[in-house]
Amino acid sequence: MGFITTKDMFAKALKSDYAVGAFNVNNMEIIQAIVEAAKAEQAPFILQVSAGARKYAKPIYLVKLVEAAMEDSGLDIVLHLDHGDDFDICKKCVDDGFTSVMIDGSKHSFEENIKITKQVVEYAHSKGVVVEAELGKLAGIEDAVSVDARDATFTHPDEAAEFVAKTGVDSLAISIGTSHGAYKFKGEPWLDFERLQQISALLPNTPLVLHGASTVLPAFVDMCNKYGGNIPGSRGVPEEMIRTASKYGVCKVNIDTDLRLAMTAEIRKIFVEDPAEFDPRKYLGPARDEIQKMVQHKIRNVLGASNRL
């Protein structure tokens, strides 16, 4: 029992056409729900921490909560930095005990992205930590984007191969049409599977990562709206698209929005149905249960990762 890297779990996923869920965590209830779901499903999983989570909860609290989850569950856990934007934040997380870090240099030029990523790789590898990088831009991607715009923002297969060769990165987050948040598509959902297959063919031994992969489950959106929310017209990545992506080298699927929706929907429901309730345990507990059910659904029916330990 301890902190582990993604190396072995991704190697198994590559050979077996399933994906590992990487779930963003912000507090105790979310961590507990994800870990209990993974334990129940006997599935590999990743707990990841964003810059926003670090600011909200403080890194030391998150690390200690994950350590408690390991001790309580008896499971090995990957602790991953999500979207580290420079070398310093990646170094800090490596030094704090994270076993996996992401350096997101996608906002820079191709050459500068290589330079920053290589610097992180050299330091992280010296400490036994694995590195994820990103090539391509996710923000604002919609199915109605023109072909020229797609070529400008989606990951180029040849560049992906060059990038991995020059940086030595362990896994690569690519852009094929997903985006962050609850509004991923303006019209019909669309992912560039042809591009994904090209990248996978050029990088058969490199685990690929799909960011912005929440399905934005309609049941939770409807419940939020029913109990006073205002989330109209939200669209996520259909579950069958995630399953298809796992057949072409996608080993890690990032999920955050679905966690937020599950938690918020249940809390809104309780506040409306029992407005006198003010005990946090009485609404955070049920919200935790809903997250666990949703994560188990993802592991079993979307990622295909159940019983993979």
C-alpha atoms as a PDB file:
ATOM      1  CA  MET A   1       0.000   0.000   0.000  1.00  0.00           C
ATOM      2  CA  GLY A   2       1.401   3.384  -1.019  1.00  0.00           C
ATOM      3  CA  PHE A   3       1.693   6.058  -3.656  1.00  0.00           C
ATOM      4  CA  ILE A   4       2.401   4.555  -7.085  1.00  0.00           C
ATOM      5  CA  THR A   5       2.992   5.850 -10.602  1.00  0.00           C
ATOM      6  CA  THR A   6       0.878   5.227 -13.684  1.00  0.00           C
ATOM      7  CA  LYS A   7       3.552   3.219 -15.473  1.00  0.00           C
ATOM      8  CA  ASP A   8       2.243  -0.299 -14.858  1.00  0.00           C
ATOM      9  CA  MET A   9      -1.471   0.580 -14.992  1.00  0.00           C
ATOM     10  CA  PHE A  10      -1.067   2.334 -18.355  1.00  0.00           C
ATOM     11  CA  ALA A  11       0.966  -0.578 -19.759  1.00  0.00           C
ATOM     12  CA  LYS A  12      -1.885  -2.941 -18.860  1.00  0.00           C
ATOM     13  CA  ALA A  13      -4.511  -0.565 -20.274  1.00  0.00           C
ATOM     14  CA  LEU A  14      -2.644  -0.261 -23.582  1.00  0.00           C
ATOM     15  CA  LYS A  15      -2.707  -4.014 -24.006  1.00  0.00           C
ATOM     16  CA  SER A  16      -6.338  -4.467 -23.007  1.00  0.00           C
ATOM     17  CA  ASP A  17      -8.270  -1.574 -24.619  1.00  0.00           C
ATOM     18  CA  TYR A  18      -9.694  -0.031 -21.450  1.00  0.00           C
ATOM     19  CA  ALA A  19      -9.034   3.354 -19.850  1.00  0.00           C
ATOM     20  CA  VAL A  20      -8.164   4.478 -16.341  1.00  0.00           C
ATOM     21  CA  GLY A  21     -10.345   7.155 -14.791  1.00  0.00           C
ATOM     22  CA  ALA A  22      -8.524  10.228 -13.500  1.00  0.00           C
ATOM     23  CA  PHE A  23     -10.810  12.042 -11.093  1.00  0.00           C
ATOM     24  CA  ASN A  24     -10.263  15.569  -9.805  1.00  0.00           C
ATOM     25  CA  VAL A  25     -10.458  15.975  -6.040  1.00  0.00           C
ATOM     26  CA  ASN A  26     -11.092  19.029  -3.860  1.00  0.00           C
ATOM     27  CA  ASN A  27     -12.254  17.765  -0.465  1.00  0.00           C
ATOM     28  CA  MET A  28     -12.660  14.753   1.805  1.00  0.00           C
ATOM     29  CA  GLU A  29     -16.065  13.622   0.546  1.00  0.00           C
ATOM     30  CA  ILE A  30     -14.993  13.516  -3.105  1.00  0.00           C
ATOM     31  CA  ILE A  31     -11.834  11.558  -2.252  1.00  0.00           C
ATOM     32  CA  GLN A  32     -13.796   9.081  -0.137  1.00  0.00           C
ATOM     33  CA  ALA A  33     -16.407   8.539  -2.839  1.00  0.00           C
ATOM     34  CA  ILE A  34     -13.886   7.879  -5.613  1.00  0.00           C
ATOM     35  CA  VAL A  35     -11.741   5.546  -3.530  1.00  0.00           C
ATOM     36  CA  GLU A  36     -14.756   3.548  -2.326  1.00  0.00           C
ATOM     37  CA  ALA A  37     -16.015   3.261  -5.905  1.00  0.00           C
ATOM     38  CA  ALA A  38     -12.659   2.010  -7.165  1.00  0.00           C
ATOM     39  CA  LYS A  39     -12.389  -0.445  -4.291  1.00  0.00           C
ATOM     40  CA  ALA A  40     -15.874  -1.799  -4.959  1.00  0.00           C
ATOM     41  CA  GLU A  41     -15.104  -2.210  -8.671  1.00  0.00           C
ATOM     42  CA  GLN A  42     -11.532  -3.471  -8.156  1.00  0.00           C
ATOM     43  CA  ALA A  43     -10.401  -0.902 -10.704  1.00  0.00           C
ATOM     44  CA  PRO A  44      -7.248   1.155 -11.212  1.00  0.00           C
ATOM     45  CA  PHE A  45      -7.785   4.879 -10.745  1.00  0.00           C
ATOM     46  CA  ILE A  46      -6.009   8.223 -10.411  1.00  0.00           C
ATOM     47  CA  LEU A  47      -6.684  11.070  -7.995  1.00  0.00           C
ATOM     48  CA  GLN A  48      -5.660  14.366  -9.517  1.00  0.00           C
ATOM     49  CA  VAL A  49      -5.286  17.854  -8.119  1.00  0.00           C
ATOM     50  CA  SER A  50      -5.660  21.054 -10.135  1.00  0.00           C
ATOM     51  CA  ALA A  51      -4.259  24.497  -9.405  1.00  0.00           C
ATOM     52  CA  GLY A  52      -7.719  25.503  -8.195  1.00  0.00           C
ATOM     53  CA  ALA A  53      -7.870  22.571  -5.792  1.00  0.00           C
ATOM     54  CA  ARG A  54      -4.428  23.395  -4.423  1.00  0.00           C
ATOM     55  CA  LYS A  55      -5.534  26.974  -3.802  1.00  0.00           C
ATOM     56  CA  TYR A  56      -8.864  25.939  -2.243  1.00  0.00           C
ATOM     57  CA  ALA A  57      -7.786  23.113   0.062  1.00  0.00           C
ATOM     58  CA  LYS A  58      -3.994  23.677   0.372  1.00  0.00           C
ATOM     59  CA  PRO A  59      -1.635  20.956  -0.887  1.00  0.00           C
ATOM     60  CA  ILE A  60      -0.794  19.542   2.535  1.00  0.00           C
ATOM     61  CA  TYR A  61      -4.458  18.848   3.325  1.00  0.00           C
ATOM     62  CA  LEU A  62      -4.998  17.080   0.018  1.00  0.00           C
ATOM     63  CA  VAL A  63      -1.875  14.940   0.386  1.00  0.00           C
ATOM     64  CA  LYS A  64      -2.824  13.948   3.939  1.00  0.00           C
ATOM     65  CA  LEU A  65      -6.406  13.150   2.918  1.00  0.00           C
ATOM     66  CA  VAL A  66      -5.139  10.878   0.152  1.00  0.00           C
ATOM     67  CA  GLU A  67      -2.727   9.233   2.583  1.00  0.00           C
ATOM     68  CA  ALA A  68      -5.689   8.595   4.904  1.00  0.00           C
ATOM     69  CA  ALA A  69      -7.662   7.123   1.994  1.00  0.00           C
ATOM     70  CA  MET A  70      -4.795   4.726   1.251  1.00  0.00           C
ATOM     71  CA  GLU A  71      -4.573   3.607   4.869  1.00  0.00           C
ATOM     72  CA  ASP A  72      -8.333   3.192   5.178  1.00  0.00           C
ATOM     73  CA  SER A  73      -8.867   1.380   1.872  1.00  0.00           C
ATOM     74  CA  GLY A  74      -5.644  -0.610   1.600  1.00  0.00           C
ATOM     75  CA  LEU A  75      -5.325   0.548  -2.018  1.00  0.00           C
ATOM     76  CA  ASP A  76      -2.324   1.898  -3.879  1.00  0.00           C
ATOM     77  CA  ILE A  77      -3.054   5.369  -5.251  1.00  0.00           C
ATOM     78  CA  VAL A  78      -1.624   7.586  -7.970  1.00  0.00           C
ATOM     79  CA  LEU A  79      -1.513  11.234  -6.884  1.00  0.00           C
ATOM     80  CA  HIS A  80      -1.328  13.404  -9.999  1.00  0.00           C
ATOM     81  CA  LEU A  81      -0.919  17.133 -10.635  1.00  0.00           C
ATOM     82  CA  ASP A  82      -3.426  18.252 -13.255  1.00  0.00           C
ATOM     83  CA  HIS A  83      -2.411  21.141 -15.551  1.00  0.00           C
ATOM     84  CA  GLY A  84       0.787  22.344 -13.955  1.00  0.00           C
ATOM     85  CA  ASP A  85       1.631  25.509 -15.884  1.00  0.00           C
ATOM     86  CA  ASP A  86       5.353  25.834 -15.205  1.00  0.00           C
ATOM     87  CA  PHE A  87       8.419  23.982 -13.991  1.00  0.00           C
ATOM     88  CA  ASP A  88       8.224  25.370 -10.459  1.00  0.00           C
ATOM     89  CA  ILE A  89       4.745  24.040  -9.679  1.00  0.00           C
ATOM     90  CA  CYS A  90       5.674  20.621 -11.096  1.00  0.00           C
ATOM     91  CA  LYS A  91       8.861  20.545  -9.007  1.00  0.00           C
ATOM     92  CA  LYS A  92       6.940  21.529  -5.886  1.00  0.00           C
ATOM     93  CA  CYS A  93       4.449  18.695  -6.387  1.00  0.00           C
ATOM     94  CA  VAL A  94       7.221  16.174  -7.033  1.00  0.00           C
ATOM     95  CA  ASP A  95       8.916  17.313  -3.824  1.00  0.00           C
ATOM     96  CA  ASP A  96       5.574  17.104  -1.945  1.00  0.00           C
ATOM     97  CA  GLY A  97       5.164  13.428  -2.805  1.00  0.00           C
ATOM     98  CA  PHE A  98       3.084  13.426  -5.982  1.00  0.00           C
ATOM     99  CA  THR A  99       3.897  10.396  -8.124  1.00  0.00           C
ATOM    100  CA  SER A 100       2.712  11.900 -11.416  1.00  0.00           C
ATOM    101  CA  VAL A 101       2.714  15.469 -12.713  1.00  0.00           C
ATOM    102  CA  MET A 102       1.325  17.153 -15.796  1.00  0.00           C
ATOM    103  CA  ILE A 103       3.185  20.022 -17.392  1.00  0.00           C
ATOM    104  CA  ASP A 104       0.793  21.906 -19.667  1.00  0.00           C
ATOM    105  CA  GLY A 105       2.893  23.900 -22.101  1.00  0.00           C
ATOM    106  CA  SER A 106       0.207  23.900 -24.792  1.00  0.00           C
ATOM    107  CA  LYS A 107      -0.155  27.692 -24.588  1.00  0.00           C
ATOM    108  CA  HIS A 108       3.446  28.062 -25.765  1.00  0.00           C
ATOM    109  CA  SER A 109       4.981  27.497 -29.174  1.00  0.00           C
ATOM    110  CA  PHE A 110       5.825  23.923 -30.143  1.00  0.00           C
ATOM    111  CA  GLU A 111       9.523  24.540 -29.514  1.00  0.00           C
ATOM    112  CA  GLU A 112       8.969  26.196 -26.136  1.00  0.00           C
ATOM    113  CA  ASN A 113       6.558  23.418 -25.093  1.00  0.00           C
ATOM    114  CA  ILE A 114       9.279  20.869 -25.841  1.00  0.00           C
ATOM    115  CA  LYS A 115      11.836  22.864 -23.830  1.00  0.00           C
ATOM    116  CA  ILE A 116       9.626  23.239 -20.723  1.00  0.00           C
ATOM    117  CA  THR A 117       8.371  19.653 -20.864  1.00  0.00           C
ATOM    118  CA  LYS A 118      11.892  18.248 -21.190  1.00  0.00           C
ATOM    119  CA  GLN A 119      12.981  20.240 -18.128  1.00  0.00           C
ATOM    120  CA  VAL A 120      10.114  18.787 -16.075  1.00  0.00           C
ATOM    121  CA  VAL A 121      10.766  15.268 -17.383  1.00  0.00           C
ATOM    122  CA  GLU A 122      14.432  15.403 -16.403  1.00  0.00           C
ATOM    123  CA  TYR A 123      13.664  16.496 -12.848  1.00  0.00           C
ATOM    124  CA  ALA A 124      10.649  14.243 -12.306  1.00  0.00           C
ATOM    125  CA  HIS A 125      12.347  11.136 -13.704  1.00  0.00           C
ATOM    126  CA  SER A 126      15.323  11.724 -11.399  1.00  0.00           C
ATOM    127  CA  LYS A 127      12.865  11.360  -8.512  1.00  0.00           C
ATOM    128  CA  GLY A 128      10.979   8.370  -9.945  1.00  0.00           C
ATOM    129  CA  VAL A 129       7.929  10.450 -10.939  1.00  0.00           C
ATOM    130  CA  VAL A 130       6.137  10.141 -14.289  1.00  0.00           C
ATOM    131  CA  VAL A 131       5.150  13.075 -16.500  1.00  0.00           C
ATOM    132  CA  GLU A 132       2.140  13.859 -18.679  1.00  0.00           C
ATOM    133  CA  ALA A 133       2.298  16.700 -21.203  1.00  0.00           C
ATOM    134  CA  GLU A 134      -0.208  18.322 -23.546  1.00  0.00           C
ATOM    135  CA  LEU A 135      -0.058  19.092 -27.252  1.00  0.00           C
ATOM    136  CA  GLY A 136      -2.930  20.970 -28.886  1.00  0.00           C
ATOM    137  CA  LYS A 137      -5.522  23.293 -27.345  1.00  0.00           C
ATOM    138  CA  LEU A 138      -8.840  22.187 -25.832  1.00  0.00           C
ATOM    139  CA  ALA A 139     -10.499  25.493 -24.978  1.00  0.00           C
ATOM    140  CA  GLY A 140     -13.350  26.518 -27.261  1.00  0.00           C
ATOM    141  CA  ILE A 141     -13.420  23.346 -29.316  1.00  0.00           C
ATOM    142  CA  GLU A 142     -16.855  22.716 -30.799  1.00  0.00           C
ATOM    143  CA  ASP A 143     -18.182  20.425 -33.495  1.00  0.00           C
ATOM    144  CA  ALA A 144     -19.015  23.461 -35.643  1.00  0.00           C
ATOM    145  CA  VAL A 145     -15.397  24.669 -35.757  1.00  0.00           C
ATOM    146  CA  SER A 146     -14.092  24.964 -39.315  1.00  0.00           C
ATOM    147  CA  VAL A 147     -11.580  22.469 -40.683  1.00  0.00           C
ATOM    148  CA  ASP A 148      -8.855  25.134 -40.720  1.00  0.00           C
ATOM    149  CA  ALA A 149      -9.533  25.973 -37.082  1.00  0.00           C
ATOM    150  CA  ARG A 150      -9.402  22.302 -36.162  1.00  0.00           C
ATOM    151  CA  ASP A 151      -6.019  21.931 -37.833  1.00  0.00           C
ATOM    152  CA  ALA A 152      -4.786  24.939 -35.874  1.00  0.00           C
ATOM    153  CA  THR A 153      -5.920  23.677 -32.453  1.00  0.00           C
ATOM    154  CA  PHE A 154      -6.091  19.879 -32.716  1.00  0.00           C
ATOM    155  CA  THR A 155      -2.981  17.772 -32.128  1.00  0.00           C
ATOM    156  CA  HIS A 156      -0.949  17.083 -35.283  1.00  0.00           C
ATOM    157  CA  PRO A 157       0.080  13.403 -35.474  1.00  0.00           C
ATOM    158  CA  ASP A 158       3.602  14.079 -36.773  1.00  0.00           C
ATOM    159  CA  GLU A 159       4.177  16.758 -34.148  1.00  0.00           C
ATOM    160  CA  ALA A 160       2.981  14.353 -31.463  1.00  0.00           C
ATOM    161  CA  ALA A 161       5.555  11.773 -32.504  1.00  0.00           C
ATOM    162  CA  GLU A 162       8.325  14.395 -32.601  1.00  0.00           C
ATOM    163  CA  PHE A 163       7.253  15.833 -29.248  1.00  0.00           C
ATOM    164  CA  VAL A 164       7.375  12.479 -27.440  1.00  0.00           C
ATOM    165  CA  ALA A 165      10.730  11.596 -28.996  1.00  0.00           C
ATOM    166  CA  LYS A 166      12.327  14.894 -27.979  1.00  0.00           C
ATOM    167  CA  THR A 167      10.900  15.147 -24.455  1.00  0.00           C
ATOM    168  CA  GLY A 168      10.785  11.568 -23.213  1.00  0.00           C
ATOM    169  CA  VAL A 169       7.363  12.254 -21.706  1.00  0.00           C
ATOM    170  CA  ASP A 170       5.487   9.252 -20.276  1.00  0.00           C
ATOM    171  CA  SER A 171       1.994  10.104 -21.549  1.00  0.00           C
ATOM    172  CA  LEU A 172       0.503  12.688 -23.871  1.00  0.00           C
ATOM    173  CA  ALA A 173      -2.764  14.614 -23.600  1.00  0.00           C
ATOM    174  CA  ILE A 174      -4.107  15.284 -27.075  1.00  0.00           C
ATOM    175  CA  SER A 175      -6.787  17.508 -28.559  1.00  0.00           C
ATOM    176  CA  ILE A 176      -9.330  15.757 -30.788  1.00  0.00           C
ATOM    177  CA  GLY A 177     -12.483  17.704 -29.962  1.00  0.00           C
ATOM    178  CA  THR A 178     -13.154  17.599 -26.228  1.00  0.00           C
ATOM    179  CA  SER A 179     -13.168  20.708 -24.028  1.00  0.00           C
ATOM    180  CA  HIS A 180     -13.362  21.555 -20.368  1.00  0.00           C
ATOM    181  CA  GLY A 181     -16.561  22.353 -18.466  1.00  0.00           C
ATOM    182  CA  ALA A 182     -20.233  21.482 -18.905  1.00  0.00           C
ATOM    183  CA  TYR A 183     -20.622  23.007 -22.399  1.00  0.00           C
ATOM    184  CA  LYS A 184     -18.387  20.868 -24.585  1.00  0.00           C
ATOM    185  CA  PHE A 185     -20.330  21.013 -27.859  1.00  0.00           C
ATOM    186  CA  LYS A 186     -22.463  23.653 -29.517  1.00  0.00           C
ATOM    187  CA  GLY A 187     -24.275  21.093 -31.662  1.00  0.00           C
ATOM    188  CA  GLU A 188     -23.881  17.355 -32.085  1.00  0.00           C
ATOM    189  CA  PRO A 189     -20.920  15.824 -30.231  1.00  0.00           C
ATOM    190  CA  TRP A 190     -17.996  15.051 -32.512  1.00  0.00           C
ATOM    191  CA  LEU A 191     -14.502  13.698 -31.919  1.00  0.00           C
ATOM    192  CA  ASP A 192     -11.793  13.312 -34.545  1.00  0.00           C
ATOM    193  CA  PHE A 193     -11.236   9.563 -34.308  1.00  0.00           C
ATOM    194  CA  GLU A 194      -9.307   9.494 -37.569  1.00  0.00           C
ATOM    195  CA  ARG A 195      -6.764  11.865 -36.040  1.00  0.00           C
ATOM    196  CA  LEU A 196      -6.660   9.756 -32.876  1.00  0.00           C
ATOM    197  CA  GLN A 197      -5.934   6.620 -34.893  1.00  0.00           C
ATOM    198  CA  GLN A 198      -3.123   8.379 -36.744  1.00  0.00           C
ATOM    199  CA  ILE A 199      -1.537   9.521 -33.487  1.00  0.00           C
ATOM    200  CA  SER A 200      -1.922   6.083 -31.931  1.00  0.00           C
ATOM    201  CA  ALA A 201      -0.309   4.435 -34.962  1.00  0.00           C
ATOM    202  CA  LEU A 202       2.718   6.714 -34.692  1.00  0.00           C
ATOM    203  CA  LEU A 203       2.934   6.286 -30.895  1.00  0.00           C
ATOM    204  CA  PRO A 204       1.846   2.679 -30.255  1.00  0.00           C
ATOM    205  CA  ASN A 205       3.645   2.489 -26.909  1.00  0.00           C
ATOM    206  CA  THR A 206       2.705   5.926 -25.572  1.00  0.00           C
ATOM    207  CA  PRO A 207      -0.402   6.190 -23.364  1.00  0.00           C
ATOM    208  CA  LEU A 208      -2.694   8.936 -24.650  1.00  0.00           C
ATOM    209  CA  VAL A 209      -4.861  11.114 -22.419  1.00  0.00           C
ATOM    210  CA  LEU A 210      -8.286  12.596 -23.053  1.00  0.00           C
ATOM    211  CA  HIS A 211      -9.012  15.767 -21.094  1.00  0.00           C
ATOM    212  CA  GLY A 212     -12.480  17.281 -20.800  1.00  0.00           C
ATOM    213  CA  ALA A 213     -14.073  13.837 -21.001  1.00  0.00           C
ATOM    214  CA  SER A 214     -17.032  14.158 -18.639  1.00  0.00           C
ATOM    215  CA  THR A 215     -20.266  12.961 -20.201  1.00  0.00           C
ATOM    216  CA  VAL A 216     -22.277  15.676 -18.380  1.00  0.00           C
ATOM    217  CA  LEU A 217     -24.885  13.114 -17.413  1.00  0.00           C
ATOM    218  CA  PRO A 218     -28.382  14.454 -18.211  1.00  0.00           C
ATOM    219  CA  ALA A 219     -29.892  13.044 -15.012  1.00  0.00           C
ATOM    220  CA  PHE A 220     -27.687  15.277 -12.870  1.00  0.00           C
ATOM    221  CA  VAL A 221     -28.169  18.318 -15.101  1.00  0.00           C
ATOM    222  CA  ASP A 222     -31.944  17.829 -14.954  1.00  0.00           C
ATOM    223  CA  MET A 223     -31.862  17.448 -11.177  1.00  0.00           C
ATOM    224  CA  CYS A 224     -29.780  20.610 -10.770  1.00  0.00           C
ATOM    225  CA  ASN A 225     -32.225  22.553 -12.914  1.00  0.00           C
ATOM    226  CA  LYS A 226     -35.281  21.038 -11.206  1.00  0.00           C
ATOM    227  CA  TYR A 227     -34.075  22.209  -7.824  1.00  0.00           C
ATOM    228  CA  GLY A 228     -33.157  25.782  -8.714  1.00  0.00           C
ATOM    229  CA  GLY A 229     -30.083  25.408 -10.890  1.00  0.00           C
ATOM    230  CA  ASN A 230     -29.432  27.167 -14.180  1.00  0.00           C
ATOM    231  CA  ILE A 231     -27.454  24.851 -16.460  1.00  0.00           C
ATOM    232  CA  PRO A 232     -29.348  24.873 -19.767  1.00  0.00           C
ATOM    233  CA  GLY A 233     -28.091  23.255 -22.953  1.00  0.00           C
ATOM    234  CA  SER A 234     -25.027  21.575 -21.486  1.00  0.00           C
ATOM    235  CA  ARG A 235     -23.519  18.784 -23.594  1.00  0.00           C
ATOM    236  CA  GLY A 236     -20.767  16.332 -22.685  1.00  0.00           C
ATOM    237  CA  VAL A 237     -18.870  13.565 -24.446  1.00  0.00           C
ATOM    238  CA  PRO A 238     -21.183  10.576 -25.113  1.00  0.00           C
ATOM    239  CA  GLU A 239     -20.177   7.445 -23.271  1.00  0.00           C
ATOM    240  CA  GLU A 240     -19.788   5.411 -26.443  1.00  0.00           C
ATOM    241  CA  MET A 241     -17.196   7.904 -27.707  1.00  0.00           C
ATOM    242  CA  ILE A 242     -15.090   7.379 -24.585  1.00  0.00           C
ATOM    243  CA  ARG A 243     -15.293   3.619 -25.102  1.00  0.00           C
ATOM    244  CA  THR A 244     -14.188   4.026 -28.732  1.00  0.00           C
ATOM    245  CA  ALA A 245     -11.255   6.246 -27.734  1.00  0.00           C
ATOM    246  CA  SER A 246      -9.957   3.576 -25.363  1.00  0.00           C
ATOM    247  CA  LYS A 247      -9.531   1.252 -28.342  1.00  0.00           C
ATOM    248  CA  TYR A 248      -7.017   3.629 -29.932  1.00  0.00           C
ATOM    249  CA  GLY A 249      -4.447   4.225 -27.233  1.00  0.00           C
ATOM    250  CA  VAL A 250      -6.375   6.460 -24.805  1.00  0.00           C
ATOM    251  CA  CYS A 251      -5.389   5.077 -21.394  1.00  0.00           C
ATOM    252  CA  LYS A 252      -6.367   7.998 -19.134  1.00  0.00           C
ATOM    253  CA  VAL A 253      -9.703   9.786 -19.153  1.00  0.00           C
ATOM    254  CA  ASN A 254     -10.078  12.963 -17.081  1.00  0.00           C
ATOM    255  CA  ILE A 255     -13.371  13.446 -15.237  1.00  0.00           C
ATOM    256  CA  ASP A 256     -14.232  16.505 -13.155  1.00  0.00           C
ATOM    257  CA  THR A 257     -17.506  18.128 -14.297  1.00  0.00           C
ATOM    258  CA  ASP A 258     -19.512  14.946 -13.683  1.00  0.00           C
ATOM    259  CA  LEU A 259     -18.271  14.853 -10.075  1.00  0.00           C
ATOM    260  CA  ARG A 260     -19.386  18.442  -9.519  1.00  0.00           C
ATOM    261  CA  LEU A 261     -22.783  17.859 -11.084  1.00  0.00           C
ATOM    262  CA  ALA A 262     -23.473  14.714  -9.047  1.00  0.00           C
ATOM    263  CA  MET A 263     -22.575  16.462  -5.812  1.00  0.00           C
ATOM    264  CA  THR A 264     -24.406  19.691  -6.568  1.00  0.00           C
ATOM    265  CA  ALA A 265     -27.575  17.966  -7.790  1.00  0.00           C
ATOM    266  CA  GLU A 266     -27.953  15.973  -4.576  1.00  0.00           C
ATOM    267  CA  ILE A 267     -27.233  18.952  -2.326  1.00  0.00           C
ATOM    268  CA  ARG A 268     -29.745  21.131  -4.215  1.00  0.00           C
ATOM    269  CA  LYS A 269     -32.372  18.402  -3.890  1.00  0.00           C
ATOM    270  CA  ILE A 270     -31.898  18.145  -0.134  1.00  0.00           C
ATOM    271  CA  PHE A 271     -32.009  21.915   0.378  1.00  0.00           C
ATOM    272  CA  VAL A 272     -35.277  22.217  -1.543  1.00  0.00           C
ATOM    273  CA  GLU A 273     -36.974  19.174  -0.051  1.00  0.00           C
ATOM    274  CA  ASP A 274     -35.810  19.908   3.487  1.00  0.00           C
ATOM    275  CA  PRO A 275     -35.103  23.648   3.783  1.00  0.00           C
ATOM    276  CA  ALA A 276     -34.695  23.338   7.557  1.00  0.00           C
ATOM    277  CA  GLU A 277     -31.634  21.098   7.143  1.00  0.00           C
ATOM    278  CA  PHE A 278     -28.389  22.766   8.196  1.00  0.00           C
ATOM    279  CA  ASP A 279     -26.193  19.832   9.252  1.00  0.00           C
ATOM    280  CA  PRO A 280     -23.428  19.481   6.609  1.00  0.00           C
ATOM    281  CA  ARG A 281     -23.230  15.761   7.306  1.00  0.00           C
ATOM    282  CA  LYS A 282     -26.844  15.361   6.227  1.00  0.00           C
ATOM    283  CA  TYR A 283     -26.231  16.794   2.754  1.00  0.00           C
ATOM    284  CA  LEU A 284     -22.533  16.083   2.146  1.00  0.00           C
ATOM    285  CA  GLY A 285     -23.025  12.420   3.092  1.00  0.00           C
ATOM    286  CA  PRO A 286     -25.759  11.764   0.495  1.00  0.00           C
ATOM    287  CA  ALA A 287     -23.790  13.799  -2.061  1.00  0.00           C
ATOM    288  CA  ARG A 288     -20.786  11.556  -1.412  1.00  0.00           C
ATOM    289  CA  ASP A 289     -22.969   8.493  -2.018  1.00  0.00           C
ATOM    290  CA  GLU A 290     -24.154   9.890  -5.363  1.00  0.00           C
ATOM    291  CA  ILE A 291     -20.571  10.535  -6.483  1.00  0.00           C
ATOM    292  CA  GLN A 292     -19.617   6.973  -5.584  1.00  0.00           C
ATOM    293  CA  LYS A 293     -22.501   5.539  -7.631  1.00  0.00           C
ATOM    294  CA  MET A 294     -21.626   7.740 -10.592  1.00  0.00           C
ATOM    295  CA  VAL A 295     -17.915   6.808 -10.462  1.00  0.00           C
ATOM    296  CA  GLN A 296     -18.785   3.108 -10.294  1.00  0.00           C
ATOM    297  CA  HIS A 297     -20.981   3.594 -13.360  1.00  0.00           C
ATOM    298  CA  LYS A 298     -18.082   5.245 -15.196  1.00  0.00           C
ATOM    299  CA  ILE A 299     -15.603   2.539 -14.246  1.00  0.00           C
ATOM    300  CA  ARG A 300     -17.915  -0.299 -15.213  1.00  0.00           C
ATOM    301  CA  ASN A 301     -19.818   0.987 -18.243  1.00  0.00           C
ATOM    302  CA  VAL A 302     -17.676   3.760 -19.758  1.00  0.00           C
ATOM    303  CA  LEU A 303     -14.031   3.001 -18.992  1.00  0.00           C
ATOM    304  CA  GLY A 304     -14.305  -0.782 -18.965  1.00  0.00           C
ATOM    305  CA  ALA A 305     -11.877  -0.831 -16.021  1.00  0.00           C
ATOM    306  CA  SER A 306     -13.877  -2.920 -13.547  1.00  0.00           C
ATOM    307  CA  ASN A 307     -12.037  -5.989 -12.163  1.00  0.00           C
ATOM    308  CA  ARG A 308      -8.722  -4.894 -13.685  1.00  0.00           C
ATOM    309  CA  LEU A 309      -6.620  -4.948 -10.516  1.00  0.00           C
END
